[in-house]
């Protein structure tokens, strides 16, 4: 399999597994990702090893855990202050570097602006890269002072909005970065996937590794009009929210929540269309028989379907809407197509699998486990080392999942909520304190073991980010 196998990896940001047709959604239209799933092995229990955006990418790009966030320091001019939100260390190697050294032409198209913030340099190891800018207001690209005041007035009083003009989640920067986008083909998402299609065409005579890192369907939730209208209430006349707060949704009406969700679903359909464009080009070039394709999300988000009616992604809300990842792996020639695996797997396993498919090793090793034994329909899992549980850290909160329980707590060992997955697979009814005690004891021991006996504590360094909090 690893005789010059081409490899394409697609990372989506904030893509909920439950909001794809291939994972059971009857609401969201994702025909191209669903078609990819039909030609792939689909993993039903995939989880991130750490959160959010940058810790996830550190893990996937290197194959090693960011958990439990050792040696964190905030970089000047970074847009987010969170434990684990840091560049890949100069002492580490990356998947792209090792594939490039093995003769692969490596390409990277990215709309996730955090990857190119000063000092982050996530393009390491790529012979070619393209930053398709302007998706988010956190991208320091356009000038908020150039946005017409009448346009700002749709989102609030211009004088109030301009008091914090450079804040990434506010209208001035979002509108400044998007003012020249007149057609869908000009969106950052479209530009990144079109660049990826051209990369494959240019490099079809040599082995290649292509990584497309798409910030869609992350906030700001502004979908192309035709995609938004697929899900929107035509009579809605309330405010347009670029994003929600991160916390209880009590401040919003049901109509406002539905409208935010309409934009989110529209962005899923938008990025799905461009995934389809890329995969159609792969087929048209005659490369599908010699190319592996893998698709994963970094995390999802919450839309109130949880015990505390949380919306968004606060760290203490690692419920299934946030933690369950779509993970699809298509082998060359579609071997094992249509398979569904129920093993507990990690986003780290994607990197280990790419190494395996390419026949390349990291000199420093990886923490993930190759999914190859689970992908070939003839292999039936031979050689796979079963994973009993998954652990994750986000800010100072922790999540533990095994075959029977889902537990949330913090780095001090305090339990927040525990759920019985056999009777409550969607984590809607927390167990009583008495019922949860023994389950949390087991979870905490395993969390500590995975952390090497302790969790680094950065709370006294005033470096936690409040962006998006209610």
Foldseek 3Di string as FASTA:
>chain_A
DQPLFAEEEEAEAQDFLQQDVCSPDPQFDQVLVNVLQLLWAWEFAAWAQADDDQQSCLCLFQLAHCPPQPPDDDDPQQLFFFRSLAANDPPGDTLLQQVVVVPAQEEEEEAPQNCPGPPRVPCPNHPYYHHLYQQWLQRPDFDLVPDDQVVLVLAPHSVVQVVPQSNTQGDSSNCRSCVPDDDLCSHSLNVRLVVLLVVCVVCVVGHYYYYYYYHPPPFQLDAPPVLLVSQADPPDDDGRHRFAFWFAPVVDDPNNLSSSVSSNSSRSNSNSVSSNVNVVSCVVVVNLQRYKYKYKYRWHWDSLQAQRRTGGCDQQPPFSRTTGMIIIIRDRVSAQRPHYDHANAYSSQVNVQVCVSNVTAGPVHRDGHHCVCVTHPVSPNPPPDGDAKHWYGTRFKIWIDGPFKIWIDGQVLGTDFMDGCVVCVRHHDGDDPVVCVVVSVVRVVVSCVVNVNHRDDCVVVPRHGNPSHD
